[in-house]
Amino acid sequence: MKKVLWLLLAICFVQATPEKAGKEMAELKLALLKYNGGGDWYANPTSLPNLSRFCNLHLGMALNPDYATVDVGSFDLFNYPFVHMTGHGNV
């Protein structure tokens, strides 16, 4: 009886796993926050690609080295898991 139960649990587990199991993780894309009022929001254009490569290499993440630029009031802001803000001045 226990063997049958374990077999049924194993079959359920195999059926419940997503089709992409074992494949590469989906890439996450970072965003750079663009704001008015000065402040060099566009400074250091290599910082986000470098951060992505470092996290992929040392932390086993799947970050896309290409990043998006989003405005402060844009709804696109919520499409990215991480938004980078740099510079100074009024936001």
Protein backbone atom coordinates (compact mmCIF):
# COMPACT_ATOMS: atom_id res chain seq x y z
CA MET A 1 0.00 0.00 0.00
CA LYS A 2 2.82 2.42 0.86
CA LYS A 3 4.54 1.70 -2.45
CA VAL A 4 1.38 2.53 -4.37
CA LEU A 5 0.96 5.76 -2.41
CA TRP A 6 4.56 6.80 -3.10
CA LEU A 7 4.14 5.95 -6.77
CA LEU A 8 0.99 8.07 -7.00
CA LEU A 9 2.71 10.98 -5.23
CA ALA A 10 5.66 10.73 -7.62
CA ILE A 11 3.35 10.75 -10.64
CA CYS A 12 1.49 13.78 -9.29
CA PHE A 13 4.77 15.58 -8.67
CA VAL A 14 6.03 14.91 -12.19
CA GLN A 15 2.75 16.08 -13.70
CA ALA A 16 2.74 19.25 -11.58
CA THR A 17 6.23 20.44 -12.52
CA PRO A 18 6.36 23.15 -15.16
CA GLU A 19 7.50 22.22 -18.65
CA LYS A 20 10.53 24.48 -18.38
CA ALA A 21 11.89 22.76 -15.29
CA GLY A 22 15.59 22.23 -15.65
CA LYS A 23 15.91 24.88 -18.33
CA GLU A 24 17.55 28.23 -17.88
CA MET A 25 15.79 30.77 -15.67
CA ALA A 26 13.91 33.61 -17.31
CA GLU A 27 15.97 36.76 -17.62
CA LEU A 28 15.11 39.74 -15.50
CA LYS A 29 15.60 43.19 -16.96
CA LEU A 30 16.69 46.15 -14.85
CA ALA A 31 15.55 49.72 -15.40
CA LEU A 32 17.19 53.11 -15.03
CA LEU A 33 15.04 55.89 -13.59
CA LYS A 34 14.90 59.02 -15.77
CA TYR A 35 13.89 62.23 -14.04
CA ASN A 36 13.80 65.96 -14.77
CA GLY A 37 15.45 68.64 -12.69
CA GLY A 38 19.08 67.96 -13.50
CA GLY A 39 21.05 65.53 -11.48
CA ASP A 40 22.87 63.36 -14.03
CA TRP A 41 20.41 60.44 -14.08
CA TYR A 42 22.24 59.33 -17.23
CA ALA A 43 25.69 59.14 -15.58
CA ASN A 44 27.70 55.91 -15.52
CA PRO A 45 26.16 54.10 -18.52
CA THR A 46 28.16 50.94 -17.79
CA SER A 47 27.10 50.55 -14.15
CA LEU A 48 23.93 48.50 -14.76
CA PRO A 49 25.47 46.17 -17.38
CA ASN A 50 28.42 45.63 -15.02
CA LEU A 51 26.06 44.93 -12.11
CA SER A 52 24.11 42.44 -14.24
CA ARG A 53 27.24 40.58 -15.33
CA PHE A 54 28.58 40.48 -11.75
CA CYS A 55 25.29 39.11 -10.37
CA ASN A 56 25.05 36.53 -13.15
CA LEU A 57 28.62 35.35 -12.62
CA HIS A 58 28.87 35.36 -8.83
CA LEU A 59 25.27 34.95 -7.67
CA GLY A 60 23.88 32.67 -10.36
CA MET A 61 21.22 35.17 -11.39
CA ALA A 62 19.78 35.69 -14.87
CA LEU A 63 19.87 39.45 -15.34
CA ASN A 64 19.77 40.90 -18.84
CA PRO A 65 22.77 43.25 -19.28
CA ASP A 66 20.62 45.52 -21.48
CA TYR A 67 18.50 47.82 -19.34
CA ALA A 68 15.41 49.91 -19.95
CA THR A 69 14.99 53.61 -19.19
CA VAL A 70 11.74 54.60 -17.48
CA ASP A 71 10.32 57.99 -16.50
CA VAL A 72 9.32 58.80 -12.94
CA GLY A 73 5.57 59.02 -13.63
CA SER A 74 5.39 56.15 -16.10
CA PHE A 75 3.37 53.01 -15.45
CA ASP A 76 6.23 51.08 -17.09
CA LEU A 77 8.04 51.59 -13.81
CA PHE A 78 6.11 48.65 -12.38
CA ASN A 79 7.24 46.26 -15.13
CA TYR A 80 10.74 45.90 -13.69
CA PRO A 81 11.76 44.14 -10.48
CA PHE A 82 14.63 46.57 -9.83
CA VAL A 83 14.85 50.26 -10.76
CA HIS A 84 18.20 52.03 -10.41
CA MET A 85 18.32 55.70 -9.48
CA THR A 86 21.53 57.68 -9.56
CA GLY A 87 22.62 61.30 -9.63
CA HIS A 88 21.65 64.34 -7.61
CA GLY A 89 19.24 67.24 -7.78
CA ASN A 90 15.45 67.40 -7.82
CA VAL A 91 13.52 64.28 -8.70
